[in-house]
């Protein structure tokens, strides 16, 4: 299961992902969240335990659609899958975010609902 929490600080939008980015509802939640929040997205992967080919496909599709993704703190399993799929070079991958605390915290989903 994937939970996405949106944090915005000025022009920077961070999508904090918790769980797995895999085929099914998990990728269905991630894609609309990224499209609704702008073109420059920091995707915090510090609490993502797994990503599969469909999850990588969703990330690549977002990038191809003009959403610039910066991948922050990918876990070792996620980092290995990115390398295995040979897509680690198409994303900017960073170890930490150098911005202050977010000013807004909004779970992604339907209005006034939290998806998990």
N, C-alpha and C. Protein backbone atom coordinates (compact mmCIF):
# COMPACT_ATOMS: atom_id res chain seq x y z
N UNK A 1 0.83 -1.18 0.00
CA UNK A 1 0.00 0.00 0.00
C UNK A 1 0.88 1.25 0.00
N UNK A 2 0.45 2.29 -0.67
CA UNK A 2 1.20 3.53 -0.77
C UNK A 2 0.40 4.67 -0.18
N UNK A 3 1.05 5.47 0.63
CA UNK A 3 0.49 6.71 1.12
C UNK A 3 1.37 7.83 0.60
N UNK A 4 0.74 8.89 0.07
CA UNK A 4 1.47 10.03 -0.44
C UNK A 4 1.03 11.26 0.34
N UNK A 5 1.99 11.97 0.91
CA UNK A 5 1.73 13.20 1.66
C UNK A 5 2.38 14.34 0.90
N UNK A 6 1.63 15.38 0.62
CA UNK A 6 2.12 16.51 -0.14
C UNK A 6 2.55 17.61 0.81
N UNK A 7 3.77 18.09 0.62
CA UNK A 7 4.29 19.22 1.40
C UNK A 7 4.74 20.28 0.42
N UNK A 8 4.27 21.50 0.63
CA UNK A 8 4.66 22.59 -0.26
C UNK A 8 5.37 23.68 0.50
N UNK A 9 6.44 24.18 -0.10
CA UNK A 9 7.18 25.31 0.43
C UNK A 9 7.52 26.20 -0.75
N UNK A 10 6.74 27.24 -0.95
CA UNK A 10 6.95 28.11 -2.09
C UNK A 10 6.79 27.37 -3.40
N UNK A 11 7.84 27.38 -4.21
CA UNK A 11 7.82 26.73 -5.52
C UNK A 11 8.10 25.23 -5.44
N UNK A 12 8.55 24.75 -4.30
CA UNK A 12 8.96 23.35 -4.16
C UNK A 12 7.82 22.53 -3.59
N UNK A 13 7.50 21.44 -4.28
CA UNK A 13 6.50 20.49 -3.80
C UNK A 13 7.20 19.16 -3.55
N UNK A 14 7.02 18.64 -2.36
CA UNK A 14 7.59 17.34 -2.01
C UNK A 14 6.45 16.34 -1.82
N UNK A 15 6.57 15.21 -2.51
CA UNK A 15 5.64 14.11 -2.30
C UNK A 15 6.35 13.07 -1.46
N UNK A 16 5.94 12.94 -0.20
CA UNK A 16 6.53 11.95 0.70
C UNK A 16 5.77 10.64 0.52
N UNK A 17 6.48 9.64 0.05
CA UNK A 17 5.86 8.34 -0.23
C UNK A 17 6.19 7.37 0.88
N UNK A 18 5.18 6.65 1.35
CA UNK A 18 5.35 5.65 2.39
C UNK A 18 4.72 4.36 1.89
N UNK A 19 5.50 3.29 1.82
CA UNK A 19 4.97 2.00 1.38
C UNK A 19 5.68 1.49 0.16
N UNK A 20 4.89 1.07 -0.85
CA UNK A 20 5.43 0.48 -2.07
C UNK A 20 4.90 1.22 -3.29
N UNK A 21 5.75 1.39 -4.29
CA UNK A 21 5.32 1.95 -5.56
C UNK A 21 5.32 0.77 -6.54
N UNK A 22 4.17 0.13 -6.63
CA UNK A 22 4.05 -1.08 -7.43
C UNK A 22 2.77 -1.02 -8.26
N UNK A 23 2.62 -2.01 -9.12
CA UNK A 23 1.47 -2.08 -10.01
C UNK A 23 0.17 -2.03 -9.23
N UNK A 24 -0.80 -1.28 -9.75
CA UNK A 24 -2.12 -1.23 -9.13
C UNK A 24 -2.42 0.15 -8.57
N UNK A 25 -3.16 0.15 -7.46
CA UNK A 25 -3.60 1.40 -6.87
C UNK A 25 -2.44 2.29 -6.44
N UNK A 26 -1.32 1.69 -6.10
CA UNK A 26 -0.18 2.47 -5.63
C UNK A 26 0.26 3.49 -6.70
N UNK A 27 0.43 3.04 -7.94
CA UNK A 27 0.84 3.97 -8.99
C UNK A 27 -0.32 4.88 -9.39
N UNK A 28 -1.55 4.41 -9.23
CA UNK A 28 -2.71 5.23 -9.56
C UNK A 28 -2.82 6.43 -8.63
N UNK A 29 -2.34 6.33 -7.41
CA UNK A 29 -2.35 7.45 -6.47
C UNK A 29 -1.22 8.42 -6.77
N UNK A 30 -0.05 7.90 -7.09
CA UNK A 30 1.14 8.73 -7.29
C UNK A 30 1.01 9.66 -8.49
N UNK A 31 0.56 9.17 -9.61
CA UNK A 31 0.52 9.96 -10.84
C UNK A 31 -0.37 11.20 -10.74
N UNK A 32 -1.62 11.07 -10.30
CA UNK A 32 -2.44 12.28 -10.16
C UNK A 32 -1.88 13.27 -9.14
N UNK A 33 -1.27 12.77 -8.09
CA UNK A 33 -0.69 13.66 -7.07
C UNK A 33 0.39 14.53 -7.69
N UNK A 34 1.26 13.94 -8.49
CA UNK A 34 2.34 14.70 -9.12
C UNK A 34 1.80 15.69 -10.13
N UNK A 35 0.81 15.30 -10.91
CA UNK A 35 0.26 16.20 -11.92
C UNK A 35 -0.47 17.39 -11.31
N UNK A 36 -1.11 17.21 -10.18
CA UNK A 36 -1.87 18.29 -9.54
C UNK A 36 -0.97 19.31 -8.87
N UNK A 37 0.24 18.96 -8.56
CA UNK A 37 1.08 19.81 -7.71
C UNK A 37 2.14 20.60 -8.46
N UNK A 38 2.22 20.51 -9.77
CA UNK A 38 3.17 21.34 -10.49
C UNK A 38 4.12 20.54 -11.33
N UNK A 39 5.12 21.22 -11.83
CA UNK A 39 6.07 20.61 -12.75
C UNK A 39 7.39 20.23 -12.11
N UNK A 40 7.74 20.78 -10.96
CA UNK A 40 8.98 20.44 -10.27
C UNK A 40 8.64 19.76 -8.96
N UNK A 41 8.91 18.46 -8.91
CA UNK A 41 8.50 17.65 -7.78
C UNK A 41 9.71 16.97 -7.16
N UNK A 42 9.80 17.04 -5.83
CA UNK A 42 10.77 16.24 -5.09
C UNK A 42 10.00 15.03 -4.57
N UNK A 43 10.44 13.86 -4.97
CA UNK A 43 9.79 12.62 -4.55
C UNK A 43 10.64 11.99 -3.45
N UNK A 44 10.15 12.08 -2.21
CA UNK A 44 10.87 11.54 -1.05
C UNK A 44 10.61 10.04 -0.97
N UNK A 45 11.66 9.25 -1.20
CA UNK A 45 11.54 7.79 -1.23
C UNK A 45 12.16 7.12 -0.01
N UNK A 46 12.42 7.88 1.04
CA UNK A 46 13.10 7.36 2.23
C UNK A 46 12.30 6.26 2.93
N UNK A 47 10.98 6.25 2.75
CA UNK A 47 10.15 5.24 3.41
C UNK A 47 9.44 4.33 2.41
N UNK A 48 10.03 4.23 1.21
CA UNK A 48 9.48 3.31 0.20
C UNK A 48 10.27 2.02 0.28
N UNK A 49 9.57 0.94 0.56
CA UNK A 49 10.24 -0.34 0.75
C UNK A 49 10.43 -1.12 -0.54
N UNK A 50 9.64 -0.82 -1.57
CA UNK A 50 9.77 -1.56 -2.83
C UNK A 50 9.23 -0.74 -3.99
N UNK A 51 9.79 -0.98 -5.17
CA UNK A 51 9.29 -0.44 -6.42
C UNK A 51 9.43 -1.55 -7.46
N UNK A 52 8.41 -1.70 -8.32
CA UNK A 52 8.49 -2.72 -9.36
C UNK A 52 8.53 -2.04 -10.73
N UNK A 53 8.45 -2.85 -11.79
CA UNK A 53 8.53 -2.30 -13.14
C UNK A 53 7.41 -1.31 -13.43
N UNK A 54 6.21 -1.58 -12.92
CA UNK A 54 5.09 -0.65 -13.12
C UNK A 54 5.34 0.67 -12.39
N UNK A 55 5.91 0.60 -11.20
CA UNK A 55 6.24 1.81 -10.45
C UNK A 55 7.29 2.63 -11.17
N UNK A 56 8.31 1.97 -11.68
CA UNK A 56 9.34 2.67 -12.45
C UNK A 56 8.73 3.25 -13.71
N UNK A 57 7.83 2.49 -14.33
CA UNK A 57 7.14 2.99 -15.52
C UNK A 57 6.34 4.25 -15.22
N UNK A 58 5.70 4.30 -14.06
CA UNK A 58 4.94 5.49 -13.67
C UNK A 58 5.86 6.70 -13.50
N UNK A 59 7.03 6.48 -12.88
CA UNK A 59 7.99 7.57 -12.70
C UNK A 59 8.50 8.07 -14.05
N UNK A 60 8.83 7.15 -14.95
CA UNK A 60 9.31 7.52 -16.28
C UNK A 60 8.22 8.25 -17.06
N UNK A 61 6.97 7.78 -16.93
CA UNK A 61 5.85 8.43 -17.63
C UNK A 61 5.65 9.86 -17.14
N UNK A 62 5.79 10.07 -15.84
CA UNK A 62 5.67 11.43 -15.31
C UNK A 62 6.77 12.32 -15.88
N UNK A 63 7.99 11.82 -15.91
CA UNK A 63 9.12 12.57 -16.44
C UNK A 63 8.87 12.88 -17.93
N UNK A 64 8.38 11.91 -18.68
CA UNK A 64 8.12 12.09 -20.11
C UNK A 64 6.99 13.09 -20.35
N UNK A 65 6.07 13.20 -19.39
CA UNK A 65 4.95 14.14 -19.50
C UNK A 65 5.33 15.56 -19.09
N UNK A 66 6.58 15.77 -18.77
CA UNK A 66 7.04 17.11 -18.44
C UNK A 66 7.09 17.43 -16.96
N UNK A 67 6.87 16.44 -16.10
CA UNK A 67 7.00 16.64 -14.66
C UNK A 67 8.44 16.32 -14.29
N UNK A 68 9.19 17.33 -13.82
CA UNK A 68 10.58 17.10 -13.44
C UNK A 68 10.61 16.49 -12.05
N UNK A 69 11.11 15.26 -11.96
CA UNK A 69 11.18 14.55 -10.69
C UNK A 69 12.61 14.53 -10.16
N UNK A 70 12.76 14.95 -8.93
CA UNK A 70 14.02 14.77 -8.20
C UNK A 70 13.74 13.70 -7.16
N UNK A 71 14.48 12.61 -7.20
CA UNK A 71 14.28 11.51 -6.27
C UNK A 71 15.17 11.72 -5.06
N UNK A 72 14.57 11.80 -3.87
CA UNK A 72 15.31 12.08 -2.65
C UNK A 72 15.35 10.86 -1.75
N UNK A 73 16.53 10.54 -1.26
CA UNK A 73 16.75 9.48 -0.28
C UNK A 73 16.13 8.13 -0.66
N UNK A 74 16.37 7.63 -1.87
CA UNK A 74 15.81 6.31 -2.18
C UNK A 74 16.44 5.23 -1.29
N UNK A 75 15.63 4.31 -0.84
CA UNK A 75 16.12 3.19 -0.04
C UNK A 75 16.98 2.30 -0.94
N UNK A 76 17.74 1.42 -0.33
CA UNK A 76 18.63 0.54 -1.11
C UNK A 76 17.86 -0.33 -2.11
N UNK A 77 16.71 -0.94 -1.72
CA UNK A 77 15.96 -1.73 -2.71
C UNK A 77 15.48 -0.88 -3.90
N UNK A 78 15.06 0.34 -3.63
CA UNK A 78 14.60 1.23 -4.70
C UNK A 78 15.78 1.62 -5.59
N UNK A 79 16.88 1.98 -4.98
CA UNK A 79 18.08 2.36 -5.73
C UNK A 79 18.54 1.20 -6.64
N UNK A 80 18.49 -0.03 -6.12
CA UNK A 80 18.89 -1.19 -6.91
C UNK A 80 17.96 -1.41 -8.10
N UNK A 81 16.66 -1.23 -7.89
CA UNK A 81 15.71 -1.40 -9.00
C UNK A 81 15.90 -0.33 -10.06
N UNK A 82 16.19 0.90 -9.66
CA UNK A 82 16.45 1.96 -10.62
C UNK A 82 17.68 1.63 -11.47
N UNK A 83 18.73 1.10 -10.81
CA UNK A 83 19.94 0.70 -11.54
C UNK A 83 19.67 -0.48 -12.45
N UNK A 84 18.95 -1.47 -11.94
CA UNK A 84 18.64 -2.67 -12.72
C UNK A 84 17.85 -2.31 -13.98
N UNK A 85 16.91 -1.39 -13.85
CA UNK A 85 16.10 -0.95 -14.98
C UNK A 85 16.83 0.06 -15.86
N UNK A 86 18.02 0.47 -15.43
CA UNK A 86 18.86 1.43 -16.16
C UNK A 86 18.16 2.77 -16.37
N UNK A 87 17.44 3.22 -15.34
CA UNK A 87 16.79 4.52 -15.41
C UNK A 87 17.34 5.48 -14.36
N UNK A 88 18.32 5.03 -13.59
CA UNK A 88 18.88 5.90 -12.56
C UNK A 88 19.54 7.13 -13.15
N UNK A 89 19.94 7.09 -14.41
CA UNK A 89 20.60 8.25 -15.03
C UNK A 89 19.61 9.28 -15.57
N UNK A 90 18.32 8.94 -15.66
CA UNK A 90 17.37 9.93 -16.19
C UNK A 90 16.73 10.78 -15.10
N UNK A 91 16.97 10.42 -13.85
CA UNK A 91 16.45 11.19 -12.73
C UNK A 91 17.59 11.82 -11.95
N UNK A 92 17.34 12.99 -11.38
CA UNK A 92 18.28 13.55 -10.42
C UNK A 92 18.00 12.86 -9.09
N UNK A 93 19.04 12.27 -8.51
CA UNK A 93 18.89 11.56 -7.23
C UNK A 93 19.73 12.28 -6.20
N UNK A 94 19.10 12.66 -5.09
CA UNK A 94 19.82 13.37 -4.04
C UNK A 94 19.63 12.64 -2.71
N UNK A 95 20.50 12.92 -1.78
CA UNK A 95 20.48 12.25 -0.48
C UNK A 95 19.67 12.98 0.56
N UNK A 96 19.49 14.28 0.41
CA UNK A 96 18.69 15.02 1.39
C UNK A 96 18.16 16.28 0.75
N UNK A 97 17.18 16.87 1.39
CA UNK A 97 16.56 18.09 0.89
C UNK A 97 17.08 19.27 1.69
N UNK A 98 17.48 20.33 1.01
CA UNK A 98 18.06 21.49 1.70
C UNK A 98 17.08 22.64 1.79
N UNK A 99 15.83 22.32 2.15
CA UNK A 99 14.83 23.37 2.34
C UNK A 99 14.35 23.34 3.78
N UNK A 100 13.73 24.41 4.19
CA UNK A 100 13.19 24.50 5.55
C UNK A 100 11.94 23.64 5.67
N UNK A 101 11.37 23.61 6.84
CA UNK A 101 10.16 22.82 7.08
C UNK A 101 9.04 23.29 6.17
N UNK A 102 8.19 22.37 5.72
CA UNK A 102 7.10 22.72 4.81
C UNK A 102 6.06 23.60 5.50
N UNK A 103 5.38 24.42 4.68
CA UNK A 103 4.35 25.28 5.23
C UNK A 103 2.97 24.65 5.14
N UNK A 104 2.81 23.67 4.26
CA UNK A 104 1.51 23.03 4.11
C UNK A 104 1.69 21.52 4.05
N UNK A 105 0.77 20.81 4.68
CA UNK A 105 0.82 19.35 4.70
C UNK A 105 -0.56 18.86 4.31
N UNK A 106 -0.68 18.17 3.17
CA UNK A 106 -1.96 17.74 2.66
C UNK A 106 -1.88 16.31 2.18
N UNK A 107 -2.65 15.37 2.78
CA UNK A 107 -2.69 14.02 2.21
C UNK A 107 -3.35 14.08 0.83
N UNK A 108 -2.88 13.23 -0.08
CA UNK A 108 -3.39 13.22 -1.44
C UNK A 108 -4.54 12.24 -1.56
N UNK A 109 -5.54 12.61 -2.28
CA UNK A 109 -6.69 11.75 -2.52
C UNK A 109 -7.86 12.61 -2.94
N UNK A 110 -9.05 12.14 -2.71
CA UNK A 110 -10.22 12.96 -2.96
C UNK A 110 -10.26 14.08 -1.92
N UNK A 111 -10.94 15.18 -2.21
CA UNK A 111 -11.01 16.26 -1.23
C UNK A 111 -11.43 15.76 0.14
N UNK A 112 -10.71 16.18 1.14
CA UNK A 112 -10.98 15.85 2.54
C UNK A 112 -10.86 14.36 2.88
N UNK A 113 -10.16 13.58 2.05
CA UNK A 113 -9.95 12.18 2.34
C UNK A 113 -8.46 11.88 2.31
N UNK A 114 -8.06 10.83 3.00
CA UNK A 114 -6.69 10.36 2.99
C UNK A 114 -6.66 9.00 2.33
N UNK A 115 -5.74 8.84 1.37
CA UNK A 115 -5.57 7.53 0.73
C UNK A 115 -4.38 6.83 1.34
N UNK A 116 -4.56 5.59 1.61
CA UNK A 116 -3.48 4.74 2.11
C UNK A 116 -3.55 3.41 1.43
